[in-house]
N, C-alpha and C. Protein backbone atom coordinates (compact mmCIF):
# COMPACT_ATOMS: atom_id res chain seq x y z
N UNK A 1 127.53 66.90 16.61
CA UNK A 1 129.32 67.45 16.44
C UNK A 1 129.75 66.23 17.22
N UNK A 2 131.18 66.24 16.01
CA UNK A 2 132.19 65.51 17.32
C UNK A 2 132.49 65.93 18.48
N UNK A 3 132.69 66.82 18.91
CA UNK A 3 133.08 67.29 19.96
C UNK A 3 132.16 67.20 21.02
N UNK A 4 131.95 67.13 22.32
CA UNK A 4 131.57 66.75 23.47
C UNK A 4 131.45 67.95 24.22
N UNK A 5 132.52 68.85 24.23
CA UNK A 5 132.85 69.92 24.94
C UNK A 5 133.42 71.12 24.60
N UNK A 6 133.61 72.33 25.03
CA UNK A 6 134.06 73.34 24.13
C UNK A 6 135.45 73.34 23.99
N UNK A 7 136.61 73.05 23.69
CA UNK A 7 137.90 73.52 23.24
C UNK A 7 138.18 74.46 22.46
N UNK A 8 139.68 74.94 22.89
CA UNK A 8 139.75 76.00 21.57
C UNK A 8 139.84 75.55 20.15
N UNK A 9 139.18 76.20 19.32
CA UNK A 9 139.72 76.20 17.57
C UNK A 9 140.27 77.06 17.18
N UNK A 10 140.70 78.36 17.78
CA UNK A 10 141.59 79.44 17.16
C UNK A 10 141.69 79.89 18.26
N UNK A 11 143.08 80.74 18.69
CA UNK A 11 142.76 81.77 19.21
C UNK A 11 144.05 82.72 18.77
N UNK A 12 144.04 83.54 19.21
CA UNK A 12 144.52 84.84 18.74
C UNK A 12 145.34 85.69 19.93
N UNK A 13 146.46 85.63 20.08
CA UNK A 13 147.08 85.11 19.41
C UNK A 13 146.77 83.77 19.70
N UNK A 14 147.62 83.14 17.99
CA UNK A 14 147.84 81.44 18.37
C UNK A 14 148.56 80.88 19.08
N UNK A 15 148.28 79.81 19.95
CA UNK A 15 148.76 78.99 20.89
C UNK A 15 150.26 78.36 20.14
N UNK A 16 151.28 78.74 21.00
CA UNK A 16 152.57 78.41 20.11
C UNK A 16 153.26 79.73 20.01
N UNK A 17 152.36 80.70 19.23
CA UNK A 17 152.98 81.65 18.77
C UNK A 17 153.97 82.19 19.03
N UNK A 18 154.66 83.35 18.13
CA UNK A 18 155.58 84.38 18.71
C UNK A 18 155.26 85.70 17.83
N UNK A 19 154.88 86.30 18.59
CA UNK A 19 154.29 87.69 18.04
C UNK A 19 155.05 88.85 18.05
N UNK A 20 155.15 90.01 17.02
CA UNK A 20 156.23 90.95 16.58
C UNK A 20 155.73 91.80 17.62
N UNK A 21 154.59 92.27 18.30
CA UNK A 21 153.72 93.25 18.81
C UNK A 21 153.12 92.74 19.78
N UNK A 22 153.21 93.51 20.67
CA UNK A 22 152.20 92.69 21.81
C UNK A 22 150.80 93.10 21.58
N UNK A 23 149.77 91.82 21.93
CA UNK A 23 148.70 92.04 21.40
C UNK A 23 147.88 93.13 22.56
N UNK A 24 146.88 93.82 22.38
CA UNK A 24 146.37 94.32 23.53
C UNK A 24 144.91 93.46 23.98
N UNK A 25 144.46 92.32 23.15
CA UNK A 25 143.75 91.68 23.81
C UNK A 25 143.77 89.81 23.27
N UNK A 26 143.19 89.07 23.83
CA UNK A 26 143.37 87.77 23.51
C UNK A 26 142.26 87.18 23.60
N UNK A 27 141.89 86.80 21.83
CA UNK A 27 140.65 85.91 21.99
C UNK A 27 140.58 84.40 21.48
N UNK A 28 139.45 84.32 22.23
CA UNK A 28 139.53 82.20 22.00
C UNK A 28 138.05 81.81 21.33
N UNK A 29 138.18 81.21 19.72
CA UNK A 29 137.29 80.60 19.57
C UNK A 29 136.75 79.43 20.32
N UNK A 30 135.80 78.83 20.59
CA UNK A 30 135.66 77.56 20.98
C UNK A 30 134.91 76.81 19.86
N UNK A 31 134.88 75.41 19.93
CA UNK A 31 134.03 74.48 18.98
C UNK A 31 132.86 74.31 19.06
N UNK A 32 132.24 74.83 20.34
CA UNK A 32 130.63 74.97 20.81
C UNK A 32 130.75 75.97 21.30
N UNK A 33 129.24 76.80 21.99
CA UNK A 33 128.93 78.07 22.32
C UNK A 33 129.63 77.62 23.96
N UNK A 34 129.48 78.74 24.30
CA UNK A 34 130.17 78.88 25.73
C UNK A 34 129.17 80.06 26.91
N UNK A 35 129.03 79.83 27.97
CA UNK A 35 128.40 80.79 28.91
C UNK A 35 129.30 81.69 29.68
N UNK A 36 129.16 82.80 28.76
CA UNK A 36 130.21 84.04 29.75
C UNK A 36 130.41 83.92 31.31
N UNK A 37 129.14 83.64 32.13
CA UNK A 37 129.14 83.89 32.97
C UNK A 37 129.71 82.58 33.93
N UNK A 38 130.13 81.74 33.11
CA UNK A 38 130.61 80.63 34.32
C UNK A 38 131.92 80.25 33.52
N UNK A 39 132.64 81.46 32.92
CA UNK A 39 133.77 80.97 32.39
C UNK A 39 134.76 82.30 32.61
N UNK A 40 136.41 81.36 32.08
CA UNK A 40 137.12 82.83 32.92
C UNK A 40 138.54 82.70 32.08
N UNK A 41 139.45 83.14 31.36
CA UNK A 41 140.63 83.58 30.54
C UNK A 41 141.46 84.56 31.51
N UNK A 42 142.42 84.20 32.07
CA UNK A 42 143.24 84.67 33.39
C UNK A 42 144.88 84.88 31.66
N UNK A 43 145.49 85.68 31.36
CA UNK A 43 146.65 85.28 31.16
C UNK A 43 147.83 85.60 32.13
N UNK A 44 149.21 85.17 32.15
CA UNK A 44 149.88 85.13 33.17
C UNK A 44 151.55 85.58 32.25
N UNK A 45 152.24 86.41 32.83
CA UNK A 45 153.47 86.47 32.54
C UNK A 45 154.13 85.35 33.31
N UNK A 46 155.58 85.07 32.40
CA UNK A 46 155.98 84.10 32.98
C UNK A 46 156.47 84.10 34.45
N UNK A 47 156.50 85.30 34.88
CA UNK A 47 156.69 85.23 36.46
C UNK A 47 155.53 85.25 37.71
N UNK A 48 154.34 85.20 36.19
CA UNK A 48 153.01 84.58 37.49
C UNK A 48 151.98 85.69 37.43
N UNK A 49 152.44 87.01 37.66
CA UNK A 49 151.67 88.13 37.37
C UNK A 49 150.92 88.16 36.21
N UNK A 50 149.74 88.62 36.58
CA UNK A 50 148.46 88.93 35.89
C UNK A 50 149.16 90.01 34.47
N UNK A 51 148.23 89.52 33.56
CA UNK A 51 148.32 90.26 32.22
C UNK A 51 147.37 90.68 31.50
N UNK A 52 146.20 90.01 31.81
CA UNK A 52 145.10 90.36 31.59
C UNK A 52 143.95 91.58 32.61
N UNK A 53 143.40 92.15 32.10
CA UNK A 53 142.57 92.89 32.92
C UNK A 53 141.43 93.22 32.30
N UNK A 54 140.42 94.04 33.37
CA UNK A 54 138.70 94.00 32.59
C UNK A 54 138.33 92.70 32.73
N UNK A 55 137.14 93.19 32.34
CA UNK A 55 135.95 92.10 32.10
C UNK A 55 136.19 90.98 31.36
N UNK A 56 135.87 89.65 30.91
CA UNK A 56 135.28 88.99 29.86
C UNK A 56 134.49 89.36 28.88
N UNK A 57 134.58 89.30 27.98
CA UNK A 57 133.63 89.43 26.87
C UNK A 57 133.22 88.45 26.12
N UNK A 58 132.00 88.28 25.57
CA UNK A 58 131.83 87.47 24.51
C UNK A 58 131.25 87.90 23.46
N UNK A 59 132.34 87.75 22.49
CA UNK A 59 132.02 88.40 21.06
C UNK A 59 131.54 87.85 19.87
N UNK A 60 131.03 86.51 20.55
CA UNK A 60 130.11 85.80 19.66
C UNK A 60 129.76 84.27 20.34
N UNK A 61 128.61 83.62 20.21
CA UNK A 61 128.19 82.76 21.13
C UNK A 61 129.38 81.78 21.67
N UNK A 62 130.69 81.37 20.62
CA UNK A 62 131.03 80.30 20.86
C UNK A 62 132.90 81.34 20.78
N UNK A 63 132.43 82.68 21.25
CA UNK A 63 134.01 83.42 21.22
C UNK A 63 134.17 84.15 22.67
N UNK A 64 134.92 84.24 22.98
CA UNK A 64 135.12 85.13 24.11
C UNK A 64 136.73 86.13 24.13
N UNK A 65 136.83 87.22 24.80
CA UNK A 65 138.17 87.82 24.69
C UNK A 65 138.20 88.84 26.20
N UNK A 66 139.26 88.90 26.29
CA UNK A 66 139.93 89.71 27.68
C UNK A 66 140.78 91.09 26.79
N UNK A 67 140.85 92.07 27.56
CA UNK A 67 141.76 92.88 27.43
C UNK A 67 143.46 92.61 28.07
N UNK A 68 144.26 93.41 27.24
CA UNK A 68 145.83 92.68 27.93
C UNK A 68 146.58 94.25 28.63
N UNK A 69 147.12 93.88 29.49
CA UNK A 69 147.97 95.10 30.06
C UNK A 69 148.78 95.20 29.03
N UNK A 70 149.55 96.57 29.42
CA UNK A 70 150.75 96.64 28.45
C UNK A 70 151.86 95.63 28.67
N UNK A 71 152.11 94.22 27.28
CA UNK A 71 152.74 93.58 27.34
C UNK A 71 154.36 94.04 27.40
N UNK A 72 155.02 93.32 27.81
CA UNK A 72 156.90 93.16 27.42
C UNK A 72 157.05 92.47 26.54
N UNK A 73 158.31 91.98 26.12
CA UNK A 73 158.80 90.52 25.50
C UNK A 73 158.86 89.71 26.45
N UNK A 74 158.48 88.53 25.99
CA UNK A 74 158.07 87.56 27.17
C UNK A 74 157.49 86.29 26.77
N UNK A 75 157.50 85.49 27.41
CA UNK A 75 156.51 84.19 27.59
C UNK A 75 155.14 84.25 28.33
N UNK A 76 154.04 83.90 27.45
CA UNK A 76 152.83 84.33 28.47
C UNK A 76 152.12 82.75 28.56
N UNK A 77 151.15 82.60 29.57
CA UNK A 77 150.47 81.68 29.54
C UNK A 77 148.88 81.96 29.83
N UNK A 78 148.08 81.30 29.04
CA UNK A 78 146.70 81.67 29.15
C UNK A 78 146.01 80.71 29.99
N UNK A 79 145.27 80.70 30.82
CA UNK A 79 144.88 79.89 31.64
C UNK A 79 143.21 79.93 30.94
N UNK A 80 142.78 78.94 30.65
CA UNK A 80 141.01 79.00 30.47
C UNK A 80 139.89 78.33 31.19
N UNK A 81 139.18 78.39 31.01
CA UNK A 81 137.82 77.38 32.03
C UNK A 81 136.61 78.00 31.22
N UNK A 82 136.08 77.16 30.44
CA UNK A 82 134.62 77.66 30.17
C UNK A 82 133.35 76.39 30.47
N UNK A 83 132.39 77.19 30.67
CA UNK A 83 130.86 76.25 30.86
C UNK A 83 130.71 76.17 29.26
N UNK A 84 130.30 75.05 28.29
CA UNK A 84 129.76 74.75 27.55
C UNK A 84 128.04 75.06 27.36
N UNK A 85 127.44 74.77 26.41
CA UNK A 85 126.15 75.37 26.81
C UNK A 85 125.75 73.73 26.55
N UNK A 86 125.90 72.32 26.11
CA UNK A 86 125.78 71.46 27.03
C UNK A 86 126.03 71.02 28.54
N UNK A 87 126.22 72.21 29.27
CA UNK A 87 126.67 71.87 30.49
C UNK A 87 127.69 71.34 31.28
N UNK A 88 128.88 71.62 30.05
CA UNK A 88 130.09 70.45 30.38
C UNK A 88 131.24 71.51 30.96
N UNK A 89 132.03 71.52 31.53
CA UNK A 89 133.38 72.35 32.05
C UNK A 89 134.20 71.94 30.97
N UNK A 90 135.12 72.52 30.42
CA UNK A 90 136.36 72.52 30.47
C UNK A 90 137.23 73.31 30.37
N UNK A 91 138.98 73.02 30.57
CA UNK A 91 139.44 74.24 30.73
C UNK A 91 141.28 73.66 30.25
N UNK A 92 142.03 74.64 29.88
CA UNK A 92 143.30 74.16 29.65
C UNK A 92 144.21 75.41 29.41
N UNK A 93 145.50 74.74 29.08
CA UNK A 93 146.63 76.35 28.84
C UNK A 93 146.92 76.29 27.80
N UNK A 94 147.05 77.47 27.64
CA UNK A 94 147.77 77.57 25.83
C UNK A 94 148.72 78.92 26.26
N UNK A 95 149.86 78.99 25.12
CA UNK A 95 150.95 79.94 25.41
C UNK A 95 151.53 80.85 23.82
N UNK A 96 152.01 81.70 24.63
CA UNK A 96 152.32 82.29 23.61
C UNK A 96 153.61 83.62 23.84
N UNK A 97 154.17 84.30 22.76
CA UNK A 97 155.35 84.91 23.31
C UNK A 97 155.44 86.00 22.41
N UNK A 98 155.85 87.16 23.24
CA UNK A 98 156.36 88.38 22.41
C UNK A 98 157.30 88.36 22.75
N UNK A 99 158.12 88.57 20.99
CA UNK A 99 159.28 88.74 20.84
C UNK A 99 159.98 89.81 21.34
N UNK A 100 161.49 89.98 21.54
CA UNK A 100 162.48 90.98 22.21
C UNK A 100 162.08 92.18 21.19
N UNK A 101 161.98 93.73 20.86
CA UNK A 101 161.82 94.18 20.39
C UNK A 101 162.97 94.19 19.27
N UNK A 102 163.43 94.44 17.48
CA UNK A 102 164.59 94.28 17.00
C UNK A 102 165.37 95.42 16.87
N UNK A 103 166.50 95.39 17.42
CA UNK A 103 167.18 96.36 17.22
C UNK A 103 168.24 96.24 16.18
């Protein structure tokens, strides 16, 4: 593989996306398999309050998901850190926005 470490390949919501409906969960598919026990995803609202809840779940060897609280409109930050099966730790930040309701 060209990647030496695990980095997000796809996220739902996508990095930088503005979504009309608040998602119930956040998913990240990485470029290689990750170790659930040594990985974390925390979603935070603009004010810093934690918007994720429950335990991190592994949907596939390379895909993690976390449930989200009921999100209001605004900007959210996704802080992730994973240990890939090649034993390298990577981390980073993704962003998405929940659009205000249309009136």
